[in-house]
Each structure stands twice: as C-alpha cells, then as structure tokens.
Amino acid sequence: MNLLDILKAWPLYILPHHWISRLVFRLTRIQSPTLVPPAIRLFSNIFNVNLAEALNPDPASYATFNAFFTRSLQPALRPIAAGNQLLVSPVDGRISQMGKVEAGRIFQAKGRDYSAVELLGGDEARAAPFMHGQFMTIYLSPRDYHRIHMPLSATLLEQVYVPGRLFSVAGHTVRTIPRLFARNERVVALFETEFGKIAMVLVGAINVAAIETVWDGLVTPPQGWGVKRQTFPDVHLAKGAEMGRFNMGSTVILLLETPHLDWNPMLGAGVALCVGQALANLPAKD
C-alpha cells in the first residue's frame, strides 16, 4: 500500500455508490440506434475490447449498451478443458490472489485478509466446509467477457444475497480498503460437486449495475434489504455452462472445500485467464 493508492481510494468512502450504480443501470438500458453503436465503439477503443471474439461483432447489432456488455462469445473460442477432475476457470479475467484458506481467513493483499464467514453472509455453518479449503479471486476488467460459467459440474444448494457497499475492486482499492470483498454487495452461490462443496461469490462494485443468475434472473438491484437466502430445487449445471453474468466488470471469488489441490504451477497473482482454462486437478472426495 502506498500514498497514491490511499489518495485514489479515499473518495470512494463518500461517494453515493448505489445511486451511481442505479444511474448506470438506467443509462446502459437506453435503446437508441443513434447513440448506442458510437458508445460501444468508443468504449471498445478505450478499453481495447476484442469485438472479433463476439458472436455479434457489429456494434449496430446491440439494442442497448448493456446487451453489448453482456455479449456472448463465439463458443469455439472458449473450449472447456475435458476431464471431470479438472477445475476450470469460470470467467475471463486476471487472478488477484489464490491459495489456501487459513483457519477461515482469505488473503486479499499484503497486510489484508477477511473471513470466509463474513464473505458468505455471516453464517458459520455455511462457511464451515471452506475453513481450511482453497480459494481463487479473479478480477474482471471492463474489457473482459462478463458471463460467468461453471468451474465443475454441480448441483445448486442455495443462493444468498448479501447487501453492502459498492467500492471499486480495482487494484488500488484491493490494496487499500480493509475486508473489501466482505463489505461489498455480493451474491453467493453454494454448490455440491463430486469433489465436495464449492462456493462462487459474485462481488458487486461501483458501476456494476446488476448481477444475474441463470436460475433466478436479476438478483441485484435488490428488492428490500438484509441477507436473503433462497433455494431452487433441481438446478444441475454442467461444467462450462453459464451460471450468471455481471452487467459491468467486477470480481468472482471461488471457494473449494478440498484442503489439498494440485494447482497449475503456471498460475499466480496477475495471470490472465479464459473461461474453460484448466486451473487444477481435484482429488476425489474422502
């Protein structure tokens, strides 16, 4: 952490996070054939978006900016690594941190960590399987593909909406703001797999106007306040299947019950990932 990081982060404490994000929600859903295509071209140039990967590469094919932001890709460009025991990347993004959960604490940045219990909504029983497990935090930049896919074949156990702030999740805030991911608004999806439980935590951020899941649709903006737990019977998703999407860039935190994991040795903080890329070999559940 340095002085520049602090100076860049402190204004975020006083900004009206939710008001700004709700405004972005409305603006990105405006339908205008005059305004939307130029906005998409400008955004793509600023953030170096690879439109050639999109299923519809023509900016004029999108009715709204949000339709562009949640665009689908050509399926052949994101093959899913074969093998039931292979854990794959759920998103396009960049690894922020990864490793072992130490007695329920998850590493955020040098000198900063947060608790799995708090991250998962304050329920100790929900967090118990992950207290000595493994984690990976992946940051999605504005240029990235923003649909989220299953890292393993799994059955949904519960979805939990956790209210919170909407701090930026850029590098300077991750290094500066304590317990950042456990303070921001988020959606937790808990799954059972043949290798044990996994949790996928979709973390909101400023300008992240909405988070969706395929079984529940739009989860945020929320209706009401407080932690909201829901179950959805018979939701079974294959590895590589879409499970949700961000309506702007943010972060996915993957938690695994297994305490031992054979991570790909080429992976580490700062490494770029693509959906379907092999992350680790999973041991059979005891």
C-alpha atoms as a PDB file:
ATOM      1  CA  MET A   1       0.000   0.000   0.000  1.00  0.00           C
ATOM      2  CA  ASN A   2       1.331   3.437  -0.886  1.00  0.00           C
ATOM      3  CA  LEU A   3       0.225   7.054  -0.619  1.00  0.00           C
ATOM      4  CA  LEU A   4      -1.061   7.160  -4.192  1.00  0.00           C
ATOM      5  CA  ASP A   5      -3.308   4.142  -3.534  1.00  0.00           C
ATOM      6  CA  ILE A   6      -4.698   5.843  -0.426  1.00  0.00           C
ATOM      7  CA  LEU A   7      -5.368   9.112  -2.257  1.00  0.00           C
ATOM      8  CA  LYS A   8      -7.156   7.279  -5.065  1.00  0.00           C
ATOM      9  CA  ALA A   9      -9.250   5.176  -2.678  1.00  0.00           C
ATOM     10  CA  TRP A  10     -10.404   7.620  -0.005  1.00  0.00           C
ATOM     11  CA  PRO A  11     -13.010   9.478  -2.150  1.00  0.00           C
ATOM     12  CA  LEU A  12     -14.814   6.148  -2.578  1.00  0.00           C
ATOM     13  CA  TYR A  13     -15.825   6.264   1.096  1.00  0.00           C
ATOM     14  CA  ILE A  14     -18.046   9.305   0.498  1.00  0.00           C
ATOM     15  CA  LEU A  15     -19.433   8.598  -2.975  1.00  0.00           C
ATOM     16  CA  PRO A  16     -23.110   7.512  -3.203  1.00  0.00           C
ATOM     17  CA  HIS A  17     -22.224   4.054  -4.552  1.00  0.00           C
ATOM     18  CA  HIS A  18     -25.724   2.714  -5.030  1.00  0.00           C
ATOM     19  CA  TRP A  19     -27.116   5.910  -6.533  1.00  0.00           C
ATOM     20  CA  ILE A  20     -24.314   5.990  -9.130  1.00  0.00           C
ATOM     21  CA  SER A  21     -24.783   2.311  -9.932  1.00  0.00           C
ATOM     22  CA  ARG A  22     -28.555   2.660 -10.315  1.00  0.00           C
ATOM     23  CA  LEU A  23     -27.980   5.577 -12.695  1.00  0.00           C
ATOM     24  CA  VAL A  24     -25.598   3.396 -14.732  1.00  0.00           C
ATOM     25  CA  PHE A  25     -28.278   0.675 -14.710  1.00  0.00           C
ATOM     26  CA  ARG A  26     -30.747   3.031 -16.385  1.00  0.00           C
ATOM     27  CA  LEU A  27     -28.282   4.579 -18.830  1.00  0.00           C
ATOM     28  CA  THR A  28     -26.986   1.242 -20.086  1.00  0.00           C
ATOM     29  CA  ARG A  29     -30.536   0.137 -20.929  1.00  0.00           C
ATOM     30  CA  ILE A  30     -31.428   3.094 -23.129  1.00  0.00           C
ATOM     31  CA  GLN A  31     -32.367   1.974 -26.634  1.00  0.00           C
ATOM     32  CA  SER A  32     -31.032   4.388 -29.229  1.00  0.00           C
ATOM     33  CA  PRO A  33     -29.708   3.313 -32.647  1.00  0.00           C
ATOM     34  CA  THR A  34     -28.107   6.755 -32.872  1.00  0.00           C
ATOM     35  CA  LEU A  35     -26.238   6.721 -29.549  1.00  0.00           C
ATOM     36  CA  VAL A  36     -25.575   3.070 -28.697  1.00  0.00           C
ATOM     37  CA  PRO A  37     -23.274   1.981 -31.577  1.00  0.00           C
ATOM     38  CA  PRO A  38     -20.931   5.022 -31.232  1.00  0.00           C
ATOM     39  CA  ALA A  39     -20.819   4.475 -27.450  1.00  0.00           C
ATOM     40  CA  ILE A  40     -19.858   0.832 -27.993  1.00  0.00           C
ATOM     41  CA  ARG A  41     -17.119   1.792 -30.471  1.00  0.00           C
ATOM     42  CA  LEU A  42     -15.735   4.436 -28.102  1.00  0.00           C
ATOM     43  CA  PHE A  43     -15.778   2.052 -25.134  1.00  0.00           C
ATOM     44  CA  SER A  44     -14.125  -0.678 -27.214  1.00  0.00           C
ATOM     45  CA  ASN A  45     -11.352   1.675 -28.295  1.00  0.00           C
ATOM     46  CA  ILE A  46     -10.707   2.991 -24.785  1.00  0.00           C
ATOM     47  CA  PHE A  47     -10.606  -0.444 -23.139  1.00  0.00           C
ATOM     48  CA  ASN A  48      -9.215  -2.420 -26.089  1.00  0.00           C
ATOM     49  CA  VAL A  49     -12.213  -4.755 -26.341  1.00  0.00           C
ATOM     50  CA  ASN A  50     -11.728  -7.570 -28.851  1.00  0.00           C
ATOM     51  CA  LEU A  51     -15.019  -7.341 -30.735  1.00  0.00           C
ATOM     52  CA  ALA A  52     -13.872 -10.023 -33.183  1.00  0.00           C
ATOM     53  CA  GLU A  53     -14.473 -12.623 -30.440  1.00  0.00           C
ATOM     54  CA  ALA A  54     -18.116 -11.641 -30.008  1.00  0.00           C
ATOM     55  CA  LEU A  55     -20.869 -13.744 -31.521  1.00  0.00           C
ATOM     56  CA  ASN A  56     -22.182 -10.446 -32.917  1.00  0.00           C
ATOM     57  CA  PRO A  57     -19.120  -8.264 -33.644  1.00  0.00           C
ATOM     58  CA  ASP A  58     -21.118  -5.405 -35.194  1.00  0.00           C
ATOM     59  CA  PRO A  59     -21.825  -2.608 -32.643  1.00  0.00           C
ATOM     60  CA  ALA A  60     -25.035  -1.804 -34.515  1.00  0.00           C
ATOM     61  CA  SER A  61     -26.417  -5.263 -33.650  1.00  0.00           C
ATOM     62  CA  TYR A  62     -26.855  -4.344 -29.958  1.00  0.00           C
ATOM     63  CA  ALA A  63     -30.068  -2.621 -28.893  1.00  0.00           C
ATOM     64  CA  THR A  64     -28.523  -1.311 -25.651  1.00  0.00           C
ATOM     65  CA  PHE A  65     -25.073  -0.827 -24.192  1.00  0.00           C
ATOM     66  CA  ASN A  66     -25.881  -3.495 -21.607  1.00  0.00           C
ATOM     67  CA  ALA A  67     -26.609  -6.010 -24.374  1.00  0.00           C
ATOM     68  CA  PHE A  68     -23.096  -5.343 -25.667  1.00  0.00           C
ATOM     69  CA  PHE A  69     -21.558  -5.563 -22.222  1.00  0.00           C
ATOM     70  CA  THR A  70     -23.147  -8.949 -21.556  1.00  0.00           C
ATOM     71  CA  ARG A  71     -22.401 -10.148 -25.102  1.00  0.00           C
ATOM     72  CA  SER A  72     -21.885 -13.814 -25.857  1.00  0.00           C
ATOM     73  CA  LEU A  73     -18.696 -15.083 -27.498  1.00  0.00           C
ATOM     74  CA  GLN A  74     -18.132 -17.491 -30.344  1.00  0.00           C
ATOM     75  CA  PRO A  75     -18.256 -20.865 -28.486  1.00  0.00           C
ATOM     76  CA  ALA A  76     -15.234 -22.319 -30.281  1.00  0.00           C
ATOM     77  CA  LEU A  77     -13.036 -19.583 -28.781  1.00  0.00           C
ATOM     78  CA  ARG A  78     -13.553 -20.810 -25.205  1.00  0.00           C
ATOM     79  CA  PRO A  79     -13.166 -24.616 -25.213  1.00  0.00           C
ATOM     80  CA  ILE A  80     -13.783 -26.274 -21.846  1.00  0.00           C
ATOM     81  CA  ALA A  81     -10.882 -28.427 -20.632  1.00  0.00           C
ATOM     82  CA  ALA A  82     -12.075 -32.055 -20.627  1.00  0.00           C
ATOM     83  CA  GLY A  83     -11.975 -34.357 -17.614  1.00  0.00           C
ATOM     84  CA  ASN A  84     -14.275 -34.440 -14.592  1.00  0.00           C
ATOM     85  CA  GLN A  85     -11.342 -33.923 -12.227  1.00  0.00           C
ATOM     86  CA  LEU A  86     -10.182 -30.711 -13.941  1.00  0.00           C
ATOM     87  CA  LEU A  87     -11.279 -27.463 -12.314  1.00  0.00           C
ATOM     88  CA  VAL A  88     -11.676 -24.779 -14.987  1.00  0.00           C
ATOM     89  CA  SER A  89     -11.789 -21.007 -14.954  1.00  0.00           C
ATOM     90  CA  PRO A  90     -15.344 -19.671 -14.589  1.00  0.00           C
ATOM     91  CA  VAL A  91     -14.532 -16.333 -16.239  1.00  0.00           C
ATOM     92  CA  ASP A  92     -12.250 -14.320 -18.442  1.00  0.00           C
ATOM     93  CA  GLY A  93     -10.185 -12.204 -16.079  1.00  0.00           C
ATOM     94  CA  ARG A  94      -6.975 -11.904 -14.136  1.00  0.00           C
ATOM     95  CA  ILE A  95      -6.009 -13.687 -10.919  1.00  0.00           C
ATOM     96  CA  SER A  96      -5.917 -11.277  -7.996  1.00  0.00           C
ATOM     97  CA  GLN A  97      -4.941 -13.874  -5.372  1.00  0.00           C
ATOM     98  CA  MET A  98      -5.130 -17.637  -4.910  1.00  0.00           C
ATOM     99  CA  GLY A  99      -4.127 -20.271  -2.399  1.00  0.00           C
ATOM    100  CA  LYS A 100      -5.184 -21.848   0.863  1.00  0.00           C
ATOM    101  CA  VAL A 101      -7.837 -20.556   3.230  1.00  0.00           C
ATOM    102  CA  GLU A 102      -6.001 -20.276   6.549  1.00  0.00           C
ATOM    103  CA  ALA A 103      -8.267 -21.009   9.529  1.00  0.00           C
ATOM    104  CA  GLY A 104     -11.153 -19.289   7.799  1.00  0.00           C
ATOM    105  CA  ARG A 105      -9.147 -16.261   6.631  1.00  0.00           C
ATOM    106  CA  ILE A 106      -8.807 -15.381   2.941  1.00  0.00           C
ATOM    107  CA  PHE A 107      -5.840 -13.370   1.679  1.00  0.00           C
ATOM    108  CA  GLN A 108      -6.797 -10.078  -0.007  1.00  0.00           C
ATOM    109  CA  ALA A 109      -3.482  -8.203  -0.379  1.00  0.00           C
ATOM    110  CA  LYS A 110      -0.313  -7.625   1.621  1.00  0.00           C
ATOM    111  CA  GLY A 111      -1.368  -6.991   5.213  1.00  0.00           C
ATOM    112  CA  ARG A 112      -5.066  -7.540   4.483  1.00  0.00           C
ATOM    113  CA  ASP A 113      -7.406 -10.503   4.761  1.00  0.00           C
ATOM    114  CA  TYR A 114     -11.060 -11.192   5.559  1.00  0.00           C
ATOM    115  CA  SER A 115     -13.147 -14.021   6.966  1.00  0.00           C
ATOM    116  CA  ALA A 116     -14.939 -16.689   4.966  1.00  0.00           C
ATOM    117  CA  VAL A 117     -17.858 -16.427   7.409  1.00  0.00           C
ATOM    118  CA  GLU A 118     -18.337 -12.728   6.673  1.00  0.00           C
ATOM    119  CA  LEU A 119     -17.869 -13.214   2.919  1.00  0.00           C
ATOM    120  CA  LEU A 120     -20.596 -15.872   2.788  1.00  0.00           C
ATOM    121  CA  GLY A 121     -23.173 -13.818   4.662  1.00  0.00           C
ATOM    122  CA  GLY A 122     -22.321 -14.345   8.334  1.00  0.00           C
ATOM    123  CA  ASP A 123     -23.470 -17.974   8.635  1.00  0.00           C
ATOM    124  CA  GLU A 124     -20.815 -20.126  10.316  1.00  0.00           C
ATOM    125  CA  ALA A 125     -22.408 -23.387   9.154  1.00  0.00           C
ATOM    126  CA  ARG A 126     -22.354 -22.194   5.540  1.00  0.00           C
ATOM    127  CA  ALA A 127     -18.676 -21.268   5.796  1.00  0.00           C
ATOM    128  CA  ALA A 128     -17.581 -24.363   7.755  1.00  0.00           C
ATOM    129  CA  PRO A 129     -16.653 -26.531   4.718  1.00  0.00           C
ATOM    130  CA  PHE A 130     -14.246 -23.858   3.473  1.00  0.00           C
ATOM    131  CA  MET A 131     -12.387 -23.001   6.680  1.00  0.00           C
ATOM    132  CA  HIS A 132      -9.288 -24.915   5.539  1.00  0.00           C
ATOM    133  CA  GLY A 133     -10.059 -25.093   1.832  1.00  0.00           C
ATOM    134  CA  GLN A 134      -8.714 -23.350  -1.244  1.00  0.00           C
ATOM    135  CA  PHE A 135      -9.638 -20.085  -2.965  1.00  0.00           C
ATOM    136  CA  MET A 136      -9.079 -18.074  -6.109  1.00  0.00           C
ATOM    137  CA  THR A 137     -10.036 -14.419  -6.600  1.00  0.00           C
ATOM    138  CA  ILE A 138     -10.441 -13.316 -10.237  1.00  0.00           C
ATOM    139  CA  TYR A 139     -10.868  -9.701 -11.358  1.00  0.00           C
ATOM    140  CA  LEU A 140     -12.886  -8.907 -14.482  1.00  0.00           C
ATOM    141  CA  SER A 141     -11.856  -5.662 -16.174  1.00  0.00           C
ATOM    142  CA  PRO A 142     -14.243  -3.586 -18.317  1.00  0.00           C
ATOM    143  CA  ARG A 143     -12.792  -5.127 -21.497  1.00  0.00           C
ATOM    144  CA  ASP A 144     -13.494  -8.708 -20.441  1.00  0.00           C
ATOM    145  CA  TYR A 145     -16.316 -11.094 -21.310  1.00  0.00           C
ATOM    146  CA  HIS A 146     -18.802 -10.808 -18.432  1.00  0.00           C
ATOM    147  CA  ARG A 147     -20.703 -14.062 -18.403  1.00  0.00           C
ATOM    148  CA  ILE A 148     -19.808 -16.492 -15.635  1.00  0.00           C
ATOM    149  CA  HIS A 149     -19.559 -20.241 -16.173  1.00  0.00           C
ATOM    150  CA  MET A 150     -19.389 -23.339 -14.001  1.00  0.00           C
ATOM    151  CA  PRO A 151     -15.883 -24.493 -12.998  1.00  0.00           C
ATOM    152  CA  LEU A 152     -17.245 -28.005 -12.329  1.00  0.00           C
ATOM    153  CA  SER A 153     -20.483 -29.900 -12.854  1.00  0.00           C
ATOM    154  CA  ALA A 154     -22.569 -29.193  -9.775  1.00  0.00           C
ATOM    155  CA  THR A 155     -25.958 -29.041  -8.060  1.00  0.00           C
ATOM    156  CA  LEU A 156     -27.096 -25.737  -6.564  1.00  0.00           C
ATOM    157  CA  LEU A 157     -27.674 -25.868  -2.797  1.00  0.00           C
ATOM    158  CA  GLU A 158     -28.571 -22.246  -2.095  1.00  0.00           C
ATOM    159  CA  GLN A 159     -28.227 -18.669  -3.283  1.00  0.00           C
ATOM    160  CA  VAL A 160     -27.538 -15.893  -0.789  1.00  0.00           C
ATOM    161  CA  TYR A 161     -27.789 -12.179  -1.493  1.00  0.00           C
ATOM    162  CA  VAL A 162     -25.612 -10.116   0.886  1.00  0.00           C
ATOM    163  CA  PRO A 163     -26.111  -6.329   0.908  1.00  0.00           C
ATOM    164  CA  GLY A 164     -23.152  -3.997   1.164  1.00  0.00           C
ATOM    165  CA  ARG A 165     -21.220  -1.099  -0.287  1.00  0.00           C
ATOM    166  CA  LEU A 166     -20.083  -0.867  -3.897  1.00  0.00           C
ATOM    167  CA  PHE A 167     -16.429   0.086  -3.616  1.00  0.00           C
ATOM    168  CA  SER A 168     -14.344  -0.215  -6.763  1.00  0.00           C
ATOM    169  CA  VAL A 169     -12.496  -3.550  -6.924  1.00  0.00           C
ATOM    170  CA  ALA A 170      -9.526  -2.173  -8.883  1.00  0.00           C
ATOM    171  CA  GLY A 171      -6.011  -2.919  -7.661  1.00  0.00           C
ATOM    172  CA  HIS A 172      -5.563   0.241  -5.584  1.00  0.00           C
ATOM    173  CA  THR A 173      -8.747  -0.387  -3.586  1.00  0.00           C
ATOM    174  CA  VAL A 174      -7.920  -4.073  -3.054  1.00  0.00           C
ATOM    175  CA  ARG A 175      -4.593  -2.979  -1.564  1.00  0.00           C
ATOM    176  CA  THR A 176      -6.112  -0.166   0.494  1.00  0.00           C
ATOM    177  CA  ILE A 177      -9.647  -0.915   1.744  1.00  0.00           C
ATOM    178  CA  PRO A 178      -9.818  -3.470   4.591  1.00  0.00           C
ATOM    179  CA  ARG A 179     -12.101  -6.503   4.051  1.00  0.00           C
ATOM    180  CA  LEU A 180     -13.132  -5.098   0.673  1.00  0.00           C
ATOM    181  CA  PHE A 181     -14.825  -8.207  -0.741  1.00  0.00           C
ATOM    182  CA  ALA A 182     -16.652  -8.874   2.536  1.00  0.00           C
ATOM    183  CA  ARG A 183     -18.003  -5.308   2.563  1.00  0.00           C
ATOM    184  CA  ASN A 184     -19.301  -5.040  -0.998  1.00  0.00           C
ATOM    185  CA  GLU A 185     -22.715  -6.194  -2.158  1.00  0.00           C
ATOM    186  CA  ARG A 186     -22.486  -9.773  -3.418  1.00  0.00           C
ATOM    187  CA  VAL A 187     -24.316 -12.891  -4.499  1.00  0.00           C
ATOM    188  CA  VAL A 188     -23.169 -16.247  -3.092  1.00  0.00           C
ATOM    189  CA  ALA A 189     -23.982 -19.473  -4.939  1.00  0.00           C
ATOM    190  CA  LEU A 190     -23.235 -22.644  -2.976  1.00  0.00           C
ATOM    191  CA  PHE A 191     -22.933 -25.935  -4.881  1.00  0.00           C
ATOM    192  CA  GLU A 192     -22.373 -29.636  -4.225  1.00  0.00           C
ATOM    193  CA  THR A 193     -19.959 -31.453  -6.550  1.00  0.00           C
ATOM    194  CA  GLU A 194     -18.413 -34.924  -6.616  1.00  0.00           C
ATOM    195  CA  PHE A 195     -15.302 -33.292  -5.124  1.00  0.00           C
ATOM    196  CA  GLY A 196     -17.079 -31.567  -2.245  1.00  0.00           C
ATOM    197  CA  LYS A 197     -18.741 -28.200  -1.863  1.00  0.00           C
ATOM    198  CA  ILE A 198     -17.780 -25.103  -3.816  1.00  0.00           C
ATOM    199  CA  ALA A 199     -18.936 -21.511  -3.452  1.00  0.00           C
ATOM    200  CA  MET A 200     -18.963 -18.904  -6.196  1.00  0.00           C
ATOM    201  CA  VAL A 201     -19.130 -15.360  -4.848  1.00  0.00           C
ATOM    202  CA  LEU A 202     -20.095 -12.689  -7.384  1.00  0.00           C
ATOM    203  CA  VAL A 203     -18.902  -9.406  -5.907  1.00  0.00           C
ATOM    204  CA  GLY A 204     -20.517  -6.146  -6.940  1.00  0.00           C
ATOM    205  CA  ALA A 205     -18.653  -2.869  -7.403  1.00  0.00           C
ATOM    206  CA  ILE A 206     -19.365   0.737  -8.289  1.00  0.00           C
ATOM    207  CA  ASN A 207     -20.958   0.873 -11.755  1.00  0.00           C
ATOM    208  CA  VAL A 208     -21.840  -2.833 -11.518  1.00  0.00           C
ATOM    209  CA  ALA A 209     -25.469  -2.066 -12.086  1.00  0.00           C
ATOM    210  CA  ALA A 210     -26.764  -5.622 -11.734  1.00  0.00           C
ATOM    211  CA  ILE A 211     -25.826  -9.252 -11.104  1.00  0.00           C
ATOM    212  CA  GLU A 212     -27.858 -12.080 -12.632  1.00  0.00           C
ATOM    213  CA  THR A 213     -28.002 -15.852 -12.191  1.00  0.00           C
ATOM    214  CA  VAL A 214     -29.497 -18.234 -14.741  1.00  0.00           C
ATOM    215  CA  TRP A 215     -31.893 -19.790 -12.188  1.00  0.00           C
ATOM    216  CA  ASP A 216     -33.146 -16.526 -10.622  1.00  0.00           C
ATOM    217  CA  GLY A 217     -32.653 -13.807 -13.208  1.00  0.00           C
ATOM    218  CA  LEU A 218     -31.817 -10.338 -11.895  1.00  0.00           C
ATOM    219  CA  VAL A 219     -30.634 -10.574  -8.269  1.00  0.00           C
ATOM    220  CA  THR A 220     -29.332  -7.028  -7.860  1.00  0.00           C
ATOM    221  CA  PRO A 221     -30.515  -4.297  -7.614  1.00  0.00           C
ATOM    222  CA  PRO A 222     -32.275  -5.987  -4.669  1.00  0.00           C
ATOM    223  CA  GLN A 223     -35.865  -5.745  -3.590  1.00  0.00           C
ATOM    224  CA  GLY A 224     -35.512  -4.771   0.069  1.00  0.00           C
ATOM    225  CA  TRP A 225     -32.549  -5.015   2.433  1.00  0.00           C
ATOM    226  CA  GLY A 226     -30.883  -7.653   4.547  1.00  0.00           C
ATOM    227  CA  VAL A 227     -29.298 -11.002   3.767  1.00  0.00           C
ATOM    228  CA  LYS A 228     -31.669 -13.034   1.601  1.00  0.00           C
ATOM    229  CA  ARG A 229     -31.301 -16.811   1.342  1.00  0.00           C
ATOM    230  CA  GLN A 230     -33.117 -18.788  -1.366  1.00  0.00           C
ATOM    231  CA  THR A 231     -33.176 -22.373  -2.555  1.00  0.00           C
ATOM    232  CA  PHE A 232     -34.017 -23.538  -6.064  1.00  0.00           C
ATOM    233  CA  PRO A 233     -34.798 -27.258  -6.431  1.00  0.00           C
ATOM    234  CA  ASP A 234     -33.308 -29.342  -9.215  1.00  0.00           C
ATOM    235  CA  VAL A 235     -30.757 -26.867 -10.557  1.00  0.00           C
ATOM    236  CA  HIS A 236     -27.983 -29.004 -12.056  1.00  0.00           C
ATOM    237  CA  LEU A 237     -25.343 -27.309 -14.177  1.00  0.00           C
ATOM    238  CA  ALA A 238     -22.663 -28.953 -16.301  1.00  0.00           C
ATOM    239  CA  LYS A 239     -19.061 -27.809 -16.243  1.00  0.00           C
ATOM    240  CA  GLY A 240     -18.719 -24.859 -18.598  1.00  0.00           C
ATOM    241  CA  ALA A 241     -22.425 -23.968 -18.536  1.00  0.00           C
ATOM    242  CA  GLU A 242     -23.337 -20.333 -17.944  1.00  0.00           C
ATOM    243  CA  MET A 243     -24.406 -19.671 -14.342  1.00  0.00           C
ATOM    244  CA  GLY A 244     -24.626 -15.876 -14.234  1.00  0.00           C
ATOM    245  CA  ARG A 245     -23.372 -12.562 -15.510  1.00  0.00           C
ATOM    246  CA  PHE A 246     -22.198  -9.136 -14.417  1.00  0.00           C
ATOM    247  CA  ASN A 247     -23.676  -6.066 -16.027  1.00  0.00           C
ATOM    248  CA  MET A 248     -20.350  -4.277 -15.554  1.00  0.00           C
ATOM    249  CA  GLY A 249     -16.889  -5.535 -14.514  1.00  0.00           C
ATOM    250  CA  SER A 250     -16.206  -6.933 -11.068  1.00  0.00           C
ATOM    251  CA  THR A 251     -14.776  -9.941  -9.216  1.00  0.00           C
ATOM    252  CA  VAL A 252     -15.537 -13.631  -8.743  1.00  0.00           C
ATOM    253  CA  ILE A 253     -14.225 -15.479  -5.692  1.00  0.00           C
ATOM    254  CA  LEU A 254     -14.126 -19.261  -5.971  1.00  0.00           C
ATOM    255  CA  LEU A 255     -14.001 -21.279  -2.730  1.00  0.00           C
ATOM    256  CA  LEU A 256     -13.385 -25.026  -2.626  1.00  0.00           C
ATOM    257  CA  GLU A 257     -13.901 -27.410   0.255  1.00  0.00           C
ATOM    258  CA  THR A 258     -10.882 -29.557  -0.570  1.00  0.00           C
ATOM    259  CA  PRO A 259      -7.831 -28.687   1.574  1.00  0.00           C
ATOM    260  CA  HIS A 260      -5.431 -30.139  -0.996  1.00  0.00           C
ATOM    261  CA  LEU A 261      -5.357 -29.013  -4.597  1.00  0.00           C
ATOM    262  CA  ASP A 262      -2.880 -29.543  -7.409  1.00  0.00           C
ATOM    263  CA  TRP A 263      -2.940 -26.043  -8.909  1.00  0.00           C
ATOM    264  CA  ASN A 264      -1.471 -25.488 -12.351  1.00  0.00           C
ATOM    265  CA  PRO A 265       2.079 -24.290 -11.497  1.00  0.00           C
ATOM    266  CA  MET A 266       1.868 -21.573 -14.169  1.00  0.00           C
ATOM    267  CA  LEU A 267      -0.881 -19.782 -12.234  1.00  0.00           C
ATOM    268  CA  GLY A 268      -0.389 -16.943  -9.774  1.00  0.00           C
ATOM    269  CA  ALA A 269      -1.369 -13.368  -8.979  1.00  0.00           C
ATOM    270  CA  GLY A 270      -1.589 -11.286 -12.151  1.00  0.00           C
ATOM    271  CA  VAL A 271      -2.006 -14.204 -14.573  1.00  0.00           C
ATOM    272  CA  ALA A 272      -4.751 -13.778 -17.195  1.00  0.00           C
ATOM    273  CA  LEU A 273      -7.415 -16.491 -17.521  1.00  0.00           C
ATOM    274  CA  CYS A 274     -10.013 -17.506 -20.088  1.00  0.00           C
ATOM    275  CA  VAL A 275     -13.272 -19.366 -19.485  1.00  0.00           C
ATOM    276  CA  GLY A 276     -12.713 -23.132 -19.596  1.00  0.00           C
ATOM    277  CA  GLN A 277      -8.959 -22.980 -18.976  1.00  0.00           C
ATOM    278  CA  ALA A 278      -7.694 -25.748 -16.679  1.00  0.00           C
ATOM    279  CA  LEU A 279      -6.845 -24.445 -13.201  1.00  0.00           C
ATOM    280  CA  ALA A 280      -6.190 -27.554 -11.123  1.00  0.00           C
ATOM    281  CA  ASN A 281      -6.557 -31.299 -10.715  1.00  0.00           C
ATOM    282  CA  LEU A 282      -9.056 -32.157  -7.998  1.00  0.00           C
ATOM    283  CA  PRO A 283      -8.618 -35.110  -5.642  1.00  0.00           C
ATOM    284  CA  ALA A 284     -11.569 -37.418  -5.077  1.00  0.00           C
ATOM    285  CA  LYS A 285     -13.643 -36.549  -2.015  1.00  0.00           C
ATOM    286  CA  ASP A 286     -12.808 -38.693   1.017  1.00  0.00           C
END
